[in-house]
C-alpha atoms as a PDB file:
ATOM      1  CA  MET A   1     -17.620 -19.151   4.578  1.00  0.00           C
ATOM      2  CA  SER A   2     -14.276 -18.026   3.180  1.00  0.00           C
ATOM      3  CA  GLU A   3     -10.972 -18.989   4.719  1.00  0.00           C
ATOM      4  CA  LEU A   4      -7.263 -18.677   3.993  1.00  0.00           C
ATOM      5  CA  VAL A   5      -5.751 -21.215   1.614  1.00  0.00           C
ATOM      6  CA  ARG A   6      -2.864 -23.417   2.764  1.00  0.00           C
ATOM      7  CA  GLU A   7       0.184 -21.863   1.073  1.00  0.00           C
ATOM      8  CA  ILE A   8       1.338 -19.095  -1.253  1.00  0.00           C
ATOM      9  CA  VAL A   9       3.590 -20.263  -4.097  1.00  0.00           C
ATOM     10  CA  GLU A  10       4.130 -17.070  -6.104  1.00  0.00           C
ATOM     11  CA  VAL A  11       3.102 -13.402  -6.060  1.00  0.00           C
ATOM     12  CA  ASN A  12       3.480 -10.843  -8.834  1.00  0.00           C
ATOM     13  CA  ALA A  13       2.612  -7.177  -8.433  1.00  0.00           C
ATOM     14  CA  SER A  14       2.665  -4.697 -11.286  1.00  0.00           C
ATOM     15  CA  ILE A  15       1.337  -1.307 -12.287  1.00  0.00           C
ATOM     16  CA  ASP A  16      -0.800  -0.582 -15.325  1.00  0.00           C
ATOM     17  CA  GLY A  17      -2.481   2.554 -16.549  1.00  0.00           C
ATOM     18  CA  ASP A  18      -0.663   5.881 -16.570  1.00  0.00           C
ATOM     19  CA  GLU A  19       0.779   8.344 -14.067  1.00  0.00           C
ATOM     20  CA  GLU A  20      -2.570  10.046 -13.583  1.00  0.00           C
ATOM     21  CA  ASN A  21      -4.610   6.845 -13.110  1.00  0.00           C
ATOM     22  CA  PRO A  22      -2.267   4.039 -12.055  1.00  0.00           C
ATOM     23  CA  LEU A  23      -3.737   0.601 -11.396  1.00  0.00           C
ATOM     24  CA  LEU A  24      -2.217  -1.944  -9.047  1.00  0.00           C
ATOM     25  CA  ILE A  25      -2.420  -5.494 -10.371  1.00  0.00           C
ATOM     26  CA  VAL A  26      -1.691  -8.380  -8.011  1.00  0.00           C
ATOM     27  CA  GLU A  27      -1.599 -12.032  -9.087  1.00  0.00           C
ATOM     28  CA  ALA A  28      -1.078 -14.923  -6.703  1.00  0.00           C
ATOM     29  CA  GLU A  29      -0.688 -18.668  -7.045  1.00  0.00           C
ATOM     30  CA  GLY A  30      -1.139 -20.962  -4.103  1.00  0.00           C
ATOM     31  CA  LEU A  31      -2.130 -24.359  -2.797  1.00  0.00           C
ATOM     32  CA  ALA A  32      -5.441 -25.309  -1.207  1.00  0.00           C
ATOM     33  CA  SER A  33      -5.580 -28.262   1.196  1.00  0.00           C
ATOM     34  CA  THR A  34      -8.329 -30.104  -0.717  1.00  0.00           C
ATOM     35  CA  THR A  35      -9.909 -30.193  -4.142  1.00  0.00           C
ATOM     36  CA  GLY A  36     -13.068 -28.260  -4.952  1.00  0.00           C
ATOM     37  CA  TRP A  37     -12.367 -24.774  -3.571  1.00  0.00           C
ATOM     38  CA  ALA A  38     -14.560 -22.044  -5.077  1.00  0.00           C
ATOM     39  CA  ASN A  39     -14.582 -18.259  -5.187  1.00  0.00           C
ATOM     40  CA  VAL A  40     -10.811 -18.045  -4.715  1.00  0.00           C
ATOM     41  CA  ARG A  41      -9.751 -14.403  -4.521  1.00  0.00           C
ATOM     42  CA  LEU A  42      -7.376 -11.834  -3.075  1.00  0.00           C
ATOM     43  CA  ASP A  43      -8.990  -9.784  -0.302  1.00  0.00           C
ATOM     44  CA  PRO A  44      -7.133  -6.514   0.368  1.00  0.00           C
ATOM     45  CA  HIS A  45      -6.705  -5.366   3.956  1.00  0.00           C
ATOM     46  CA  VAL A  46      -8.439  -2.051   4.609  1.00  0.00           C
ATOM     47  CA  TYR A  47      -6.481   0.559   6.530  1.00  0.00           C
ATOM     48  CA  ILE A  48      -7.706   3.570   8.481  1.00  0.00           C
ATOM     49  CA  SER A  49      -4.296   5.161   7.926  1.00  0.00           C
ATOM     50  CA  PRO A  50      -1.564   3.884   5.601  1.00  0.00           C
ATOM     51  CA  PRO A  51       0.830   1.358   7.162  1.00  0.00           C
ATOM     52  CA  GLU A  52       4.269   2.741   7.985  1.00  0.00           C
ATOM     53  CA  ASP A  53       6.033   0.039   5.949  1.00  0.00           C
ATOM     54  CA  GLY A  54       4.146   0.996   2.749  1.00  0.00           C
ATOM     55  CA  VAL A  55       2.998  -2.588   2.175  1.00  0.00           C
ATOM     56  CA  GLN A  56      -0.557  -3.378   1.067  1.00  0.00           C
ATOM     57  CA  ASP A  57      -1.596  -6.720   2.574  1.00  0.00           C
ATOM     58  CA  PHE A  58      -3.908  -9.226   0.913  1.00  0.00           C
ATOM     59  CA  ASP A  59      -5.375 -12.552   2.053  1.00  0.00           C
ATOM     60  CA  LEU A  60      -5.598 -15.394  -0.473  1.00  0.00           C
ATOM     61  CA  VAL A  61      -8.965 -16.867   0.459  1.00  0.00           C
ATOM     62  CA  GLY A  62     -11.644 -19.111  -0.926  1.00  0.00           C
ATOM     63  CA  ASP A  63     -14.657 -21.211  -0.039  1.00  0.00           C
ATOM     64  CA  ARG A  64     -13.859 -24.738   1.110  1.00  0.00           C
ATOM     65  CA  PRO A  65     -16.136 -27.338  -0.522  1.00  0.00           C
ATOM     66  CA  SER A  66     -19.160 -28.274   1.607  1.00  0.00           C
ATOM     67  CA  ASP A  67     -18.708 -31.960   0.795  1.00  0.00           C
ATOM     68  CA  ALA A  68     -15.371 -33.440   1.743  1.00  0.00           C
ATOM     69  CA  GLY A  69     -13.035 -32.849  -1.182  1.00  0.00           C
ATOM     70  CA  ALA A  70     -10.090 -35.178  -1.723  1.00  0.00           C
ATOM     71  CA  ASP A  71      -7.202 -34.447   0.661  1.00  0.00           C
ATOM     72  CA  ALA A  72      -4.722 -33.355  -1.969  1.00  0.00           C
ATOM     73  CA  LEU A  73      -2.862 -30.090  -2.371  1.00  0.00           C
ATOM     74  CA  THR A  74      -4.593 -28.335  -5.245  1.00  0.00           C
ATOM     75  CA  GLU A  75      -3.197 -25.429  -7.262  1.00  0.00           C
ATOM     76  CA  ILE A  76      -5.300 -22.269  -7.151  1.00  0.00           C
ATOM     77  CA  GLU A  77      -4.810 -18.747  -8.440  1.00  0.00           C
ATOM     78  CA  ALA A  78      -6.396 -15.340  -8.039  1.00  0.00           C
ATOM     79  CA  ALA A  79      -5.906 -11.780  -9.207  1.00  0.00           C
ATOM     80  CA  TRP A  80      -6.882  -8.339  -7.942  1.00  0.00           C
ATOM     81  CA  GLU A  81      -6.905  -4.997  -9.730  1.00  0.00           C
ATOM     82  CA  GLY A  82      -7.614  -1.598  -8.250  1.00  0.00           C
ATOM     83  CA  PRO A  83      -6.339   1.944  -7.876  1.00  0.00           C
ATOM     84  CA  LEU A  84      -2.732   2.296  -6.761  1.00  0.00           C
ATOM     85  CA  GLU A  85      -2.563   4.279  -3.535  1.00  0.00           C
ATOM     86  CA  ASN A  86       0.366   6.734  -3.478  1.00  0.00           C
ATOM     87  CA  TRP A  87       1.872   5.125  -0.341  1.00  0.00           C
ATOM     88  CA  VAL A  88       2.137   1.565  -1.732  1.00  0.00           C
ATOM     89  CA  ILE A  89       5.691   0.330  -2.350  1.00  0.00           C
ATOM     90  CA  ALA A  90       5.006  -3.429  -2.085  1.00  0.00           C
ATOM     91  CA  VAL A  91       2.307  -6.047  -1.581  1.00  0.00           C
ATOM     92  CA  ARG A  92       2.189  -8.947   0.874  1.00  0.00           C
ATOM     93  CA  VAL A  93      -0.084 -11.960   0.361  1.00  0.00           C
ATOM     94  CA  HIS A  94      -1.004 -14.162   3.338  1.00  0.00           C
ATOM     95  CA  ALA A  95      -1.954 -17.858   3.585  1.00  0.00           C
ATOM     96  CA  ILE A  96      -2.111 -20.250   6.548  1.00  0.00           C
ATOM     97  CA  ASP A  97       1.472 -21.487   6.300  1.00  0.00           C
ATOM     98  CA  ASN A  98       3.326 -18.533   4.792  1.00  0.00           C
ATOM     99  CA  LEU A  99       3.297 -15.123   3.159  1.00  0.00           C
ATOM    100  CA  ILE A 100       5.126 -13.670   0.183  1.00  0.00           C
ATOM    101  CA  GLU A 101       5.985 -10.040  -0.604  1.00  0.00           C
ATOM    102  CA  ASP A 102       6.633  -8.406  -3.958  1.00  0.00           C
ATOM    103  CA  GLU A 103       7.823  -4.850  -4.588  1.00  0.00           C
ATOM    104  CA  VAL A 104       5.896  -2.503  -6.845  1.00  0.00           C
ATOM    105  CA  PHE A 105       7.791  -0.480  -9.437  1.00  0.00           C
ATOM    106  CA  GLU A 106       6.332   2.388 -11.414  1.00  0.00           C
ATOM    107  CA  PRO A 107       7.025   1.682 -15.102  1.00  0.00           C
ATOM    108  CA  TRP A 108       7.154   5.353 -16.081  1.00  0.00           C
ATOM    109  CA  ASP A 109      10.037   5.974 -13.614  1.00  0.00           C
ATOM    110  CA  GLU A 110      12.189   3.454 -15.524  1.00  0.00           C
ATOM    111  CA  ASP A 111      11.470   5.228 -18.843  1.00  0.00           C
ATOM    112  CA  GLU A 112      12.564   8.596 -17.425  1.00  0.00           C
ATOM    113  CA  GLU A 113      15.818   7.112 -16.090  1.00  0.00           C
ATOM    114  CA  SER A 114      16.563   5.495 -19.480  1.00  0.00           C
ATOM    115  CA  GLU A 115      16.013   8.780 -21.314  1.00  0.00           C
ATOM    116  CA  ALA A 116      18.319  10.642 -18.882  1.00  0.00           C
ATOM    117  CA  ALA A 117      21.204   8.227 -19.481  1.00  0.00           C
END
């Protein structure tokens, strides 16, 4: 059964694709409490209506080893890619001990501002 990992170390959110079909890409690095975790991934929260703060939440989860792994903080990483909802302005990744947010910037907005200057 999947469970949250111990701690988030770093989160990076970016946008790929184009204005018509933007993709949200989220990468997270964290620490698991033991060695041997499998199926580490980012699980997005599903909303009935968009959250007022415009933040898409994710859980950094994995499968703890069935046999007792060594009690040592172990580096893990996961990534998620999917369609960018028009309300998303940031992502927030959760672990047991902390959470980290990262803002999302549309790359084509920066190009338009550069051309206007």
